[in-house]
C-alpha atoms as a PDB file:
ATOM      1  CA  MET A   1     -29.154   2.941  17.360  1.00  0.00           C
ATOM      2  CA  ILE A   2     -25.889   4.430  18.590  1.00  0.00           C
ATOM      3  CA  ALA A   3     -25.784   8.198  18.135  1.00  0.00           C
ATOM      4  CA  SER A   4     -22.823   9.127  20.263  1.00  0.00           C
ATOM      5  CA  ALA A   5     -20.508  12.049  19.552  1.00  0.00           C
ATOM      6  CA  LYS A   6     -17.711   9.886  21.008  1.00  0.00           C
ATOM      7  CA  CYS A   7     -18.106   7.147  18.403  1.00  0.00           C
ATOM      8  CA  LEU A   8     -16.453   6.487  15.053  1.00  0.00           C
ATOM      9  CA  TYR A   9     -18.688   5.105  12.319  1.00  0.00           C
ATOM     10  CA  VAL A  10     -17.072   2.803   9.768  1.00  0.00           C
ATOM     11  CA  LEU A  11     -19.103   2.498   6.575  1.00  0.00           C
ATOM     12  CA  THR A  12     -17.777  -0.022   4.058  1.00  0.00           C
ATOM     13  CA  ASP A  13     -18.832  -2.183   1.146  1.00  0.00           C
ATOM     14  CA  GLY A  14     -15.570  -4.168   0.858  1.00  0.00           C
ATOM     15  CA  ALA A  15     -13.994  -2.005  -1.815  1.00  0.00           C
ATOM     16  CA  GLY A  16     -14.570   1.454  -0.390  1.00  0.00           C
ATOM     17  CA  ALA A  17     -14.922   2.794   3.141  1.00  0.00           C
ATOM     18  CA  LYS A  18     -15.616   5.990   5.040  1.00  0.00           C
ATOM     19  CA  LEU A  19     -14.664   6.831   8.596  1.00  0.00           C
ATOM     20  CA  VAL A  20     -17.323   9.230   9.905  1.00  0.00           C
ATOM     21  CA  ARG A  21     -18.024  10.901  13.226  1.00  0.00           C
ATOM     22  CA  ARG A  22     -20.408  13.447  14.647  1.00  0.00           C
ATOM     23  CA  SER A  23     -18.876  16.887  14.732  1.00  0.00           C
ATOM     24  CA  PRO A  24     -18.353  18.031  18.328  1.00  0.00           C
ATOM     25  CA  ALA A  25     -19.247  21.574  17.241  1.00  0.00           C
ATOM     26  CA  THR A  26     -22.401  20.985  15.169  1.00  0.00           C
ATOM     27  CA  GLY A  27     -23.523  17.443  15.939  1.00  0.00           C
ATOM     28  CA  HIS A  28     -23.740  16.667  12.211  1.00  0.00           C
ATOM     29  CA  PHE A  29     -21.863  13.810  10.622  1.00  0.00           C
ATOM     30  CA  GLU A  30     -18.524  14.557   8.990  1.00  0.00           C
ATOM     31  CA  THR A  31     -16.170  12.335   7.007  1.00  0.00           C
ATOM     32  CA  LEU A  32     -12.734  12.002   8.571  1.00  0.00           C
ATOM     33  CA  GLU A  33     -11.130   9.610   6.106  1.00  0.00           C
ATOM     34  CA  GLU A  34     -12.003   7.615   2.977  1.00  0.00           C
ATOM     35  CA  PHE A  35     -10.476   4.434   1.555  1.00  0.00           C
ATOM     36  CA  ASP A  36     -10.909   3.293  -2.022  1.00  0.00           C
ATOM     37  CA  ALA A  37      -9.652  -0.061  -3.277  1.00  0.00           C
ATOM     38  CA  ARG A  38     -11.964  -0.414  -6.270  1.00  0.00           C
ATOM     39  CA  GLU A  39      -9.213   0.018  -8.881  1.00  0.00           C
ATOM     40  CA  ALA A  40      -6.808  -2.279  -7.045  1.00  0.00           C
ATOM     41  CA  LEU A  41      -9.472  -4.999  -6.693  1.00  0.00           C
ATOM     42  CA  GLN A  42     -10.400  -4.628 -10.347  1.00  0.00           C
ATOM     43  CA  ALA A  43      -6.756  -5.042 -11.365  1.00  0.00           C
ATOM     44  CA  VAL A  44      -6.517  -8.248  -9.295  1.00  0.00           C
ATOM     45  CA  ARG A  45      -9.724  -9.565 -10.853  1.00  0.00           C
ATOM     46  CA  GLU A  46      -8.431  -8.832 -14.355  1.00  0.00           C
ATOM     47  CA  GLN A  47      -5.146 -10.550 -13.566  1.00  0.00           C
ATOM     48  CA  VAL A  48      -7.026 -13.666 -12.359  1.00  0.00           C
ATOM     49  CA  ARG A  49      -9.250 -13.637 -15.462  1.00  0.00           C
ATOM     50  CA  SER A  50      -6.309 -13.272 -17.832  1.00  0.00           C
ATOM     51  CA  ARG A  51      -4.709 -16.530 -16.715  1.00  0.00           C
ATOM     52  CA  THR A  52      -5.221 -19.711 -18.666  1.00  0.00           C
ATOM     53  CA  GLU A  53      -7.625 -21.680 -16.521  1.00  0.00           C
ATOM     54  CA  PRO A  54      -7.928 -25.408 -16.100  1.00  0.00           C
ATOM     55  CA  GLN A  55     -11.205 -26.915 -17.208  1.00  0.00           C
ATOM     56  CA  ALA A  56     -13.333 -29.334 -15.180  1.00  0.00           C
ATOM     57  CA  GLN A  57     -15.521 -31.958 -16.852  1.00  0.00           C
ATOM     58  CA  SER A  58     -19.037 -32.058 -15.487  1.00  0.00           C
ATOM     59  CA  SER A  59     -20.233 -35.502 -14.471  1.00  0.00           C
ATOM     60  CA  ALA A  60     -23.861 -34.705 -15.301  1.00  0.00           C
ATOM     61  CA  THR A  61     -23.459 -32.967 -18.675  1.00  0.00           C
ATOM     62  CA  PRO A  62     -20.892 -32.954 -21.478  1.00  0.00           C
ATOM     63  CA  GLY A  63     -20.060 -29.341 -20.674  1.00  0.00           C
ATOM     64  CA  ARG A  64     -16.901 -27.992 -19.125  1.00  0.00           C
ATOM     65  CA  SER A  65     -16.421 -25.146 -16.707  1.00  0.00           C
ATOM     66  CA  SER A  66     -13.379 -23.238 -15.632  1.00  0.00           C
ATOM     67  CA  VAL A  67     -11.747 -23.774 -12.268  1.00  0.00           C
ATOM     68  CA  ARG A  68     -10.758 -20.258 -11.305  1.00  0.00           C
ATOM     69  CA  ASP A  69      -8.508 -19.498  -8.344  1.00  0.00           C
ATOM     70  CA  GLU A  70     -10.260 -16.700  -6.451  1.00  0.00           C
ATOM     71  CA  GLN A  71      -7.631 -16.692  -3.691  1.00  0.00           C
ATOM     72  CA  PRO A  72      -5.861 -13.505  -4.921  1.00  0.00           C
ATOM     73  CA  VAL A  73      -9.194 -11.611  -4.872  1.00  0.00           C
ATOM     74  CA  ARG A  74     -10.006 -12.831  -1.364  1.00  0.00           C
ATOM     75  CA  ALA A  75      -6.521 -11.851  -0.198  1.00  0.00           C
ATOM     76  CA  ALA A  76      -6.923  -8.352  -1.673  1.00  0.00           C
ATOM     77  CA  LYS A  77     -10.287  -7.929   0.059  1.00  0.00           C
ATOM     78  CA  ALA A  78      -8.847  -9.147   3.377  1.00  0.00           C
ATOM     79  CA  ALA A  79      -5.933  -6.693   3.024  1.00  0.00           C
ATOM     80  CA  PHE A  80      -8.449  -3.884   2.413  1.00  0.00           C
ATOM     81  CA  ILE A  81     -10.417  -4.793   5.547  1.00  0.00           C
ATOM     82  CA  ASP A  82      -7.153  -4.843   7.527  1.00  0.00           C
ATOM     83  CA  ARG A  83      -6.316  -1.372   6.197  1.00  0.00           C
ATOM     84  CA  VAL A  84      -9.751  -0.068   7.206  1.00  0.00           C
ATOM     85  CA  ALA A  85      -9.431  -1.641  10.677  1.00  0.00           C
ATOM     86  CA  ASP A  86      -5.985  -0.068  11.163  1.00  0.00           C
ATOM     87  CA  GLY A  87      -7.333   3.310  10.025  1.00  0.00           C
ATOM     88  CA  ALA A  88     -10.284   3.066  12.386  1.00  0.00           C
ATOM     89  CA  ALA A  89      -8.035   2.226  15.353  1.00  0.00           C
ATOM     90  CA  ARG A  90      -5.633   5.059  14.472  1.00  0.00           C
ATOM     91  CA  THR A  91      -8.524   7.539  14.140  1.00  0.00           C
ATOM     92  CA  CYS A  92     -10.059   6.437  17.457  1.00  0.00           C
ATOM     93  CA  ARG A  93      -6.767   7.041  19.240  1.00  0.00           C
ATOM     94  CA  HIS A  94      -6.104  10.363  17.515  1.00  0.00           C
ATOM     95  CA  GLU A  95      -9.619  11.748  17.986  1.00  0.00           C
ATOM     96  CA  ARG A  96     -10.022  10.143  21.454  1.00  0.00           C
ATOM     97  CA  LEU A  97     -13.198   8.323  20.471  1.00  0.00           C
ATOM     98  CA  GLU A  98     -14.657   5.667  22.742  1.00  0.00           C
ATOM     99  CA  GLY A  99     -15.720   3.041  20.239  1.00  0.00           C
ATOM    100  CA  VAL A 100     -16.487   2.029  16.679  1.00  0.00           C
ATOM    101  CA  PHE A 101     -19.867   1.443  15.078  1.00  0.00           C
ATOM    102  CA  LEU A 102     -19.724  -0.712  11.918  1.00  0.00           C
ATOM    103  CA  ALA A 103     -22.116  -0.556   8.947  1.00  0.00           C
ATOM    104  CA  ALA A 104     -21.420  -3.046   6.164  1.00  0.00           C
ATOM    105  CA  PRO A 105     -23.153  -5.712   4.065  1.00  0.00           C
ATOM    106  CA  PRO A 106     -23.880  -8.926   6.004  1.00  0.00           C
ATOM    107  CA  ARG A 107     -20.978 -10.869   4.420  1.00  0.00           C
ATOM    108  CA  LEU A 108     -18.484  -8.308   5.805  1.00  0.00           C
ATOM    109  CA  ILE A 109     -19.821  -7.713   9.313  1.00  0.00           C
ATOM    110  CA  GLY A 110     -18.142 -10.811  10.791  1.00  0.00           C
ATOM    111  CA  PRO A 111     -14.650 -10.315   9.378  1.00  0.00           C
ATOM    112  CA  LEU A 112     -14.814  -6.563   9.941  1.00  0.00           C
ATOM    113  CA  THR A 113     -15.973  -6.927  13.574  1.00  0.00           C
ATOM    114  CA  GLU A 114     -13.198  -9.457  14.213  1.00  0.00           C
ATOM    115  CA  ARG A 115     -10.458  -7.238  12.795  1.00  0.00           C
ATOM    116  CA  VAL A 116     -11.665  -3.918  14.249  1.00  0.00           C
ATOM    117  CA  GLY A 117     -12.378  -5.581  17.595  1.00  0.00           C
ATOM    118  CA  LYS A 118      -8.721  -6.558  17.966  1.00  0.00           C
ATOM    119  CA  GLN A 119      -7.732  -2.887  18.134  1.00  0.00           C
ATOM    120  CA  SER A 120     -10.834  -0.937  19.264  1.00  0.00           C
ATOM    121  CA  THR A 121     -14.100  -1.424  21.075  1.00  0.00           C
ATOM    122  CA  VAL A 122     -16.969  -2.283  18.681  1.00  0.00           C
ATOM    123  CA  VAL A 123     -20.101  -0.629  20.127  1.00  0.00           C
ATOM    124  CA  GLY A 124     -22.562  -1.790  17.463  1.00  0.00           C
ATOM    125  CA  THR A 125     -23.131  -3.113  13.964  1.00  0.00           C
ATOM    126  CA  LEU A 126     -25.596  -2.599  11.164  1.00  0.00           C
ATOM    127  CA  CYS A 127     -25.884  -5.016   8.236  1.00  0.00           C
ATOM    128  CA  LYS A 128     -26.365  -2.342   5.597  1.00  0.00           C
ATOM    129  CA  ASP A 129     -24.158  -0.762   2.938  1.00  0.00           C
ATOM    130  CA  LEU A 130     -24.111   2.967   3.637  1.00  0.00           C
ATOM    131  CA  THR A 131     -20.899   3.883   1.795  1.00  0.00           C
ATOM    132  CA  ARG A 132     -22.709   5.779  -0.962  1.00  0.00           C
ATOM    133  CA  THR A 133     -25.249   7.408   1.319  1.00  0.00           C
ATOM    134  CA  PRO A 134     -24.872  11.205   1.269  1.00  0.00           C
ATOM    135  CA  ILE A 135     -23.507  12.486   4.573  1.00  0.00           C
ATOM    136  CA  ALA A 136     -26.675  14.598   5.070  1.00  0.00           C
ATOM    137  CA  LYS A 137     -28.867  11.469   4.873  1.00  0.00           C
ATOM    138  CA  LEU A 138     -26.717   9.373   7.192  1.00  0.00           C
ATOM    139  CA  GLU A 139     -28.567  10.297  10.365  1.00  0.00           C
ATOM    140  CA  GLU A 140     -31.905   8.984   9.124  1.00  0.00           C
ATOM    141  CA  ARG A 141     -30.331   5.814   7.690  1.00  0.00           C
ATOM    142  CA  LEU A 142     -28.534   4.965  10.932  1.00  0.00           C
ATOM    143  CA  VAL A 143     -31.588   5.714  13.074  1.00  0.00           C
ATOM    144  CA  ALA A 144     -33.961   3.841  10.741  1.00  0.00           C
ATOM    145  CA  GLY A 145     -31.505   0.910  10.425  1.00  0.00           C
END
């Protein structure tokens, strides 16, 4: 696993993210920046749910199900990932870091790698949600990952 002091670690779950690095002075992990889109995503979800939805007739049963447009939620999540990627690139430049290590659930690794890779060098990935991992436990989770 990557354990470089010249690396930025991006930990995200799609609604929250932390930008973390190893402290040059102590070698311990420290949080540089946090992003939180939970409330904004929840507001978009509530807006989508509040709309009158068309109903689809099932061909196999007499039941009906709603046809919900999830596009606004997907767009909000994509905008969040773009914001995290921009923040990671900005932090790499400002802190003069050599690359970015990404830790996120499997469904996010692809889109996150693509967006971050456009602006910074991706040095590794881990398909694990570490956003709520205490900073003191991060070392063992990244090494064990």
